[in-house]
PDB file of N, CA and C in Angstrom:
ATOM      1  N   MET A   1      73.474  90.836 180.838  1.00  0.00           N
ATOM      2  CA  MET A   1      74.226  90.659 182.371  1.00  0.00           C
ATOM      3  C   MET A   1      73.982  91.713 183.247  1.00  0.00           C
ATOM      4  N   ASP A   2      73.727  91.521 184.407  1.00  0.00           N
ATOM      5  CA  ASP A   2      73.722  92.632 185.405  1.00  0.00           C
ATOM      6  C   ASP A   2      74.703  93.190 185.807  1.00  0.00           C
ATOM      7  N   LYS A   3      74.720  94.908 186.467  1.00  0.00           N
ATOM      8  CA  LYS A   3      76.166  95.268 186.354  1.00  0.00           C
ATOM      9  C   LYS A   3      76.056  94.805 187.994  1.00  0.00           C
ATOM     10  N   LEU A   4      77.947  94.561 188.949  1.00  0.00           N
ATOM     11  CA  LEU A   4      77.326  94.004 190.140  1.00  0.00           C
ATOM     12  C   LEU A   4      77.442  95.182 190.315  1.00  0.00           C
ATOM     13  N   PRO A   5      77.284  95.536 192.445  1.00  0.00           N
ATOM     14  CA  PRO A   5      76.716  96.788 193.076  1.00  0.00           C
ATOM     15  C   PRO A   5      78.414  97.010 193.946  1.00  0.00           C
ATOM     16  N   ILE A   6      78.582  98.011 194.633  1.00  0.00           N
ATOM     17  CA  ILE A   6      80.011  98.475 195.299  1.00  0.00           C
ATOM     18  C   ILE A   6      79.710  97.697 196.382  1.00  0.00           C
ATOM     19  N   ILE A   7      80.037  96.609 196.939  1.00  0.00           N
ATOM     20  CA  ILE A   7      79.352  96.261 198.136  1.00  0.00           C
ATOM     21  C   ILE A   7      80.857  96.149 199.318  1.00  0.00           C
ATOM     22  N   SER A   8      79.706  95.895 200.803  1.00  0.00           N
ATOM     23  CA  SER A   8      81.142  96.106 201.758  1.00  0.00           C
ATOM     24  C   SER A   8      81.745  94.798 202.189  1.00  0.00           C
ATOM     25  N   GLY A   9      82.783  94.423 202.882  1.00  0.00           N
ATOM     26  CA  GLY A   9      82.996  92.815 202.976  1.00  0.00           C
ATOM     27  C   GLY A   9      82.283  92.567 204.052  1.00  0.00           C
ATOM     28  N   GLN A  10      81.852  93.538 205.142  1.00  0.00           N
ATOM     29  CA  GLN A  10      80.354  93.284 206.242  1.00  0.00           C
ATOM     30  C   GLN A  10      79.014  92.865 205.416  1.00  0.00           C
ATOM     31  N   ASP A  11      79.037  93.480 204.426  1.00  0.00           N
ATOM     32  CA  ASP A  11      77.646  93.406 203.784  1.00  0.00           C
ATOM     33  C   ASP A  11      77.518  92.069 203.216  1.00  0.00           C
ATOM     34  N   LEU A  12      78.659  91.801 202.282  1.00  0.00           N
ATOM     35  CA  LEU A  12      79.125  90.410 201.457  1.00  0.00           C
ATOM     36  C   LEU A  12      79.053  89.303 202.244  1.00  0.00           C
ATOM     37  N   ILE A  13      79.314  89.755 203.779  1.00  0.00           N
ATOM     38  CA  ILE A  13      78.969  88.027 204.451  1.00  0.00           C
ATOM     39  C   ILE A  13      77.848  87.836 204.887  1.00  0.00           C
ATOM     40  N   LYS A  14      76.866  89.327 204.965  1.00  0.00           N
ATOM     41  CA  LYS A  14      75.515  88.946 205.508  1.00  0.00           C
ATOM     42  C   LYS A  14      74.559  88.539 204.357  1.00  0.00           C
ATOM     43  N   LEU A  15      75.451  88.389 203.457  1.00  0.00           N
ATOM     44  CA  LEU A  15      74.864  87.889 201.854  1.00  0.00           C
ATOM     45  C   LEU A  15      75.254  86.314 202.137  1.00  0.00           C
ATOM     46  N   LEU A  16      76.018  86.186 202.448  1.00  0.00           N
ATOM     47  CA  LEU A  16      76.992  84.312 202.084  1.00  0.00           C
ATOM     48  C   LEU A  16      75.922  83.815 203.256  1.00  0.00           C
ATOM     49  N   LEU A  17      75.736  84.559 204.464  1.00  0.00           N
ATOM     50  CA  LEU A  17      75.326  83.658 205.596  1.00  0.00           C
ATOM     51  C   LEU A  17      73.881  83.016 205.592  1.00  0.00           C
ATOM     52  N   LYS A  18      73.108  83.546 205.009  1.00  0.00           N
ATOM     53  CA  LYS A  18      71.737  83.423 203.878  1.00  0.00           C
ATOM     54  C   LYS A  18      71.949  82.045 203.447  1.00  0.00           C
ATOM     55  N   LEU A  19      73.410  82.325 202.360  1.00  0.00           N
ATOM     56  CA  LEU A  19      73.484  80.702 201.151  1.00  0.00           C
ATOM     57  C   LEU A  19      73.928  79.531 202.322  1.00  0.00           C
ATOM     58  N   ASP A  20      73.642  79.940 203.806  1.00  0.00           N
ATOM     59  CA  ASP A  20      74.387  78.410 204.621  1.00  0.00           C
ATOM     60  C   ASP A  20      75.800  78.535 204.562  1.00  0.00           C
ATOM     61  N   TYR A  21      76.394  79.890 204.759  1.00  0.00           N
ATOM     62  CA  TYR A  21      77.712  79.651 205.161  1.00  0.00           C
ATOM     63  C   TYR A  21      78.318  80.514 206.611  1.00  0.00           C
ATOM     64  N   GLN A  22      78.969  80.094 207.388  1.00  0.00           N
ATOM     65  CA  GLN A  22      79.195  80.793 208.557  1.00  0.00           C
ATOM     66  C   GLN A  22      80.841  81.223 209.081  1.00  0.00           C
ATOM     67  N   VAL A  23      80.403  81.964 209.958  1.00  0.00           N
ATOM     68  CA  VAL A  23      82.146  82.787 210.254  1.00  0.00           C
ATOM     69  C   VAL A  23      82.858  81.406 210.907  1.00  0.00           C
ATOM     70  N   HIS A  24      83.920  81.091 210.188  1.00  0.00           N
ATOM     71  CA  HIS A  24      84.505  80.230 210.768  1.00  0.00           C
ATOM     72  C   HIS A  24      85.675  81.134 212.030  1.00  0.00           C
ATOM     73  N   HIS A  25      86.843  81.657 211.052  1.00  0.00           N
ATOM     74  CA  HIS A  25      87.643  82.659 211.793  1.00  0.00           C
ATOM     75  C   HIS A  25      88.199  83.949 210.873  1.00  0.00           C
ATOM     76  N   GLN A  26      88.705  85.021 212.251  1.00  0.00           N
ATOM     77  CA  GLN A  26      89.683  86.162 211.041  1.00  0.00           C
ATOM     78  C   GLN A  26      90.876  85.837 211.409  1.00  0.00           C
ATOM     79  N   THR A  27      91.504  86.355 210.099  1.00  0.00           N
ATOM     80  CA  THR A  27      93.005  86.164 210.233  1.00  0.00           C
ATOM     81  C   THR A  27      93.615  87.614 209.856  1.00  0.00           C
ATOM     82  N   GLY A  28      93.212  88.560 210.522  1.00  0.00           N
ATOM     83  CA  GLY A  28      94.284  90.240 210.318  1.00  0.00           C
ATOM     84  C   GLY A  28      92.598  91.045 209.585  1.00  0.00           C
ATOM     85  N   SER A  29      92.415  91.218 208.415  1.00  0.00           N
ATOM     86  CA  SER A  29      91.259  91.790 207.836  1.00  0.00           C
ATOM     87  C   SER A  29      90.835  91.029 207.376  1.00  0.00           C
ATOM     88  N   HIS A  30      91.540  89.713 207.216  1.00  0.00           N
ATOM     89  CA  HIS A  30      90.237  88.341 206.203  1.00  0.00           C
ATOM     90  C   HIS A  30      89.279  87.635 206.565  1.00  0.00           C
ATOM     91  N   ILE A  31      88.533  87.473 206.429  1.00  0.00           N
ATOM     92  CA  ILE A  31      87.268  86.836 207.377  1.00  0.00           C
ATOM     93  C   ILE A  31      87.226  85.474 206.821  1.00  0.00           C
ATOM     94  N   ILE A  32      87.127  84.340 207.330  1.00  0.00           N
ATOM     95  CA  ILE A  32      87.000  82.437 206.605  1.00  0.00           C
ATOM     96  C   ILE A  32      85.371  82.577 206.973  1.00  0.00           C
ATOM     97  N   LEU A  33      84.900  82.385 206.181  1.00  0.00           N
ATOM     98  CA  LEU A  33      83.945  81.401 206.285  1.00  0.00           C
ATOM     99  C   LEU A  33      83.716  80.028 205.670  1.00  0.00           C
ATOM    100  N   ARG A  34      82.998  79.240 206.065  1.00  0.00           N
ATOM    101  CA  ARG A  34      82.689  77.947 205.530  1.00  0.00           C
ATOM    102  C   ARG A  34      81.511  77.225 205.608  1.00  0.00           C
ATOM    103  N   GLN A  35      81.391  76.974 204.710  1.00  0.00           N
ATOM    104  CA  GLN A  35      79.853  76.334 204.067  1.00  0.00           C
ATOM    105  C   GLN A  35      79.705  74.936 205.393  1.00  0.00           C
ATOM    106  N   ASN A  36      78.190  75.181 205.642  1.00  0.00           N
ATOM    107  CA  ASN A  36      77.202  74.021 206.448  1.00  0.00           C
ATOM    108  C   ASN A  36      77.148  73.181 205.995  1.00  0.00           C
ATOM    109  N   LYS A  37      77.620  73.061 204.380  1.00  0.00           N
ATOM    110  CA  LYS A  37      76.434  71.640 203.799  1.00  0.00           C
ATOM    111  C   LYS A  37      77.806  71.417 202.861  1.00  0.00           C
ATOM    112  N   GLU A  38      78.019  69.863 202.869  1.00  0.00           N
ATOM    113  CA  GLU A  38      78.629  69.438 201.372  1.00  0.00           C
ATOM    114  C   GLU A  38      78.908  70.338 199.966  1.00  0.00           C
ATOM    115  N   PRO A  39      80.049  70.849 199.614  1.00  0.00           N
ATOM    116  CA  PRO A  39      81.121  70.003 199.748  1.00  0.00           C
ATOM    117  C   PRO A  39      82.281  71.365 200.669  1.00  0.00           C
ATOM    118  N   PHE A  40      80.941  71.383 201.750  1.00  0.00           N
ATOM    119  CA  PHE A  40      82.164  72.400 202.863  1.00  0.00           C
ATOM    120  C   PHE A  40      83.003  73.573 202.792  1.00  0.00           C
ATOM    121  N   ARG A  41      82.840  74.378 201.110  1.00  0.00           N
ATOM    122  CA  ARG A  41      83.631  75.088 200.667  1.00  0.00           C
ATOM    123  C   ARG A  41      84.195  75.825 201.931  1.00  0.00           C
ATOM    124  N   ARG A  42      85.678  77.000 201.800  1.00  0.00           N
ATOM    125  CA  ARG A  42      85.844  78.314 202.561  1.00  0.00           C
ATOM    126  C   ARG A  42      86.059  79.063 201.956  1.00  0.00           C
ATOM    127  N   LEU A  43      85.462  80.089 202.105  1.00  0.00           N
ATOM    128  CA  LEU A  43      85.633  81.385 201.224  1.00  0.00           C
ATOM    129  C   LEU A  43      86.771  82.720 202.288  1.00  0.00           C
ATOM    130  N   THR A  44      87.734  82.932 201.550  1.00  0.00           N
ATOM    131  CA  THR A  44      88.241  84.095 202.585  1.00  0.00           C
ATOM    132  C   THR A  44      87.747  86.145 201.756  1.00  0.00           C
ATOM    133  N   ILE A  45      87.230  86.280 202.827  1.00  0.00           N
ATOM    134  CA  ILE A  45      86.250  87.533 202.580  1.00  0.00           C
ATOM    135  C   ILE A  45      87.119  88.528 202.779  1.00  0.00           C
ATOM    136  N   PRO A  46      87.378  89.290 201.982  1.00  0.00           N
ATOM    137  CA  PRO A  46      88.697  90.664 202.502  1.00  0.00           C
ATOM    138  C   PRO A  46      87.206  91.612 203.359  1.00  0.00           C
ATOM    139  N   ASN A  47      87.774  92.225 205.182  1.00  0.00           N
ATOM    140  CA  ASN A  47      86.657  92.908 205.126  1.00  0.00           C
ATOM    141  C   ASN A  47      87.422  94.032 205.317  1.00  0.00           C
ATOM    142  N   HIS A  48      86.737  94.879 204.012  1.00  0.00           N
ATOM    143  CA  HIS A  48      86.857  96.068 203.393  1.00  0.00           C
ATOM    144  C   HIS A  48      86.226  96.953 203.091  1.00  0.00           C
ATOM    145  N   LYS A  49      85.836  97.891 203.503  1.00  0.00           N
ATOM    146  CA  LYS A  49      84.772  99.424 202.892  1.00  0.00           C
ATOM    147  C   LYS A  49      83.981  98.733 201.335  1.00  0.00           C
ATOM    148  N   GLU A  50      84.967  98.622 200.209  1.00  0.00           N
ATOM    149  CA  GLU A  50      84.318  97.997 199.633  1.00  0.00           C
ATOM    150  C   GLU A  50      85.775  97.420 198.620  1.00  0.00           C
ATOM    151  N   ILE A  51      84.700  96.206 198.191  1.00  0.00           N
ATOM    152  CA  ILE A  51      85.231  95.082 197.613  1.00  0.00           C
ATOM    153  C   ILE A  51      85.067  95.324 196.127  1.00  0.00           C
ATOM    154  N   SER A  52      87.156  94.833 195.764  1.00  0.00           N
ATOM    155  CA  SER A  52      86.658  95.280 194.301  1.00  0.00           C
ATOM    156  C   SER A  52      85.933  94.694 193.103  1.00  0.00           C
ATOM    157  N   ILE A  53      85.487  94.902 192.186  1.00  0.00           N
ATOM    158  CA  ILE A  53      84.786  93.803 191.273  1.00  0.00           C
ATOM    159  C   ILE A  53      85.596  92.932 190.732  1.00  0.00           C
ATOM    160  N   GLY A  54      87.195  92.369 190.559  1.00  0.00           N
ATOM    161  CA  GLY A  54      87.493  91.725 190.180  1.00  0.00           C
ATOM    162  C   GLY A  54      87.164  90.393 191.460  1.00  0.00           C
ATOM    163  N   THR A  55      87.575  90.886 192.717  1.00  0.00           N
ATOM    164  CA  THR A  55      87.401  89.991 194.398  1.00  0.00           C
ATOM    165  C   THR A  55      86.127  89.460 193.879  1.00  0.00           C
ATOM    166  N   LEU A  56      85.162  90.469 194.226  1.00  0.00           N
ATOM    167  CA  LEU A  56      83.541  90.423 194.123  1.00  0.00           C
ATOM    168  C   LEU A  56      83.164  89.103 192.996  1.00  0.00           C
ATOM    169  N   ARG A  57      83.946  89.216 192.005  1.00  0.00           N
ATOM    170  CA  ARG A  57      83.668  88.029 190.808  1.00  0.00           C
ATOM    171  C   ARG A  57      84.093  87.002 191.346  1.00  0.00           C
ATOM    172  N   ALA A  58      85.307  86.638 191.613  1.00  0.00           N
ATOM    173  CA  ALA A  58      86.015  85.472 191.891  1.00  0.00           C
ATOM    174  C   ALA A  58      85.501  84.847 193.073  1.00  0.00           C
ATOM    175  N   ILE A  59      84.851  85.803 193.992  1.00  0.00           N
ATOM    176  CA  ILE A  59      84.181  85.207 195.217  1.00  0.00           C
ATOM    177  C   ILE A  59      82.626  84.413 194.963  1.00  0.00           C
ATOM    178  N   ILE A  60      82.384  85.441 194.030  1.00  0.00           N
ATOM    179  CA  ILE A  60      80.784  84.920 193.433  1.00  0.00           C
ATOM    180  C   ILE A  60      81.218  83.109 192.437  1.00  0.00           C
ATOM    181  N   ARG A  61      82.056  82.939 191.863  1.00  0.00           N
ATOM    182  CA  ARG A  61      82.452  82.100 190.952  1.00  0.00           C
ATOM    183  C   ARG A  61      82.945  80.688 191.883  1.00  0.00           C
ATOM    184  N   GLN A  62      83.531  81.111 193.390  1.00  0.00           N
ATOM    185  CA  GLN A  62      83.174  79.922 194.309  1.00  0.00           C
ATOM    186  C   GLN A  62      82.375  80.082 194.858  1.00  0.00           C
ATOM    187  N   VAL A  63      81.095  80.418 195.030  1.00  0.00           N
ATOM    188  CA  VAL A  63      80.285  80.134 195.899  1.00  0.00           C
ATOM    189  C   VAL A  63      79.342  79.167 194.506  1.00  0.00           C
ATOM    190  N   GLY A  64      79.656  79.479 193.819  1.00  0.00           N
ATOM    191  CA  GLY A  64      78.923  78.630 192.168  1.00  0.00           C
ATOM    192  C   GLY A  64      77.193  79.227 192.523  1.00  0.00           C
ATOM    193  N   ILE A  65      77.576  80.296 192.027  1.00  0.00           N
ATOM    194  CA  ILE A  65      75.739  80.741 191.115  1.00  0.00           C
ATOM    195  C   ILE A  65      76.448  82.099 190.705  1.00  0.00           C
ATOM    196  N   THR A  66      75.420  82.688 189.260  1.00  0.00           N
ATOM    197  CA  THR A  66      76.043  83.630 188.419  1.00  0.00           C
ATOM    198  C   THR A  66      75.511  85.016 189.080  1.00  0.00           C
ATOM    199  N   ARG A  67      76.120  85.569 188.380  1.00  0.00           N
ATOM    200  CA  ARG A  67      76.148  87.325 188.373  1.00  0.00           C
ATOM    201  C   ARG A  67      74.556  87.492 188.968  1.00  0.00           C
ATOM    202  N   GLU A  68      73.435  86.810 188.455  1.00  0.00           N
ATOM    203  CA  GLU A  68      71.833  87.523 187.729  1.00  0.00           C
ATOM    204  C   GLU A  68      71.810  86.934 189.772  1.00  0.00           C
ATOM    205  N   GLU A  69      72.013  85.398 189.802  1.00  0.00           N
ATOM    206  CA  GLU A  69      71.568  85.051 191.203  1.00  0.00           C
ATOM    207  C   GLU A  69      71.707  85.731 192.492  1.00  0.00           C
ATOM    208  N   PHE A  70      73.162  86.400 192.604  1.00  0.00           N
ATOM    209  CA  PHE A  70      73.912  86.951 192.982  1.00  0.00           C
ATOM    210  C   PHE A  70      73.023  88.841 193.189  1.00  0.00           C
ATOM    211  N   VAL A  71      73.219  89.168 192.066  1.00  0.00           N
ATOM    212  CA  VAL A  71      72.146  90.590 192.417  1.00  0.00           C
ATOM    213  C   VAL A  71      70.541  90.061 193.008  1.00  0.00           C
ATOM    214  N   LYS A  72      69.904  89.327 192.375  1.00  0.00           N
ATOM    215  CA  LYS A  72      68.599  88.893 193.487  1.00  0.00           C
ATOM    216  C   LYS A  72      69.376  88.828 195.148  1.00  0.00           C
ATOM    217  N   LEU A  73      69.356  88.806 195.252  1.00  0.00           N
ATOM    218  CA  LEU A  73      69.945  88.281 196.850  1.00  0.00           C
ATOM    219  C   LEU A  73      70.411  89.719 197.356  1.00  0.00           C
ATOM    220  N   PHE A  74      71.309  90.310 196.144  1.00  0.00           N
ATOM    221  CA  PHE A  74      71.691  92.013 196.902  1.00  0.00           C
ATOM    222  C   PHE A  74      70.332  92.568 197.085  1.00  0.00           C
TER     223      PHE A  74
END
């Protein structure tokens, strides 16, 4: 299993934009992304310098990709 990289909120958003997500709005320090195609998922990304590994794992699971696919995108 590949080790997850340490990544900032802004860098994670850049990766998710490649996966057909778009910035919907921002509430405080959290940015809400919306998927452009069905099932129109919504993700909440903390705009922090470093996203914790547990939060990153949860976001990857919500996106519906594997860790290996995520590491390849990075």
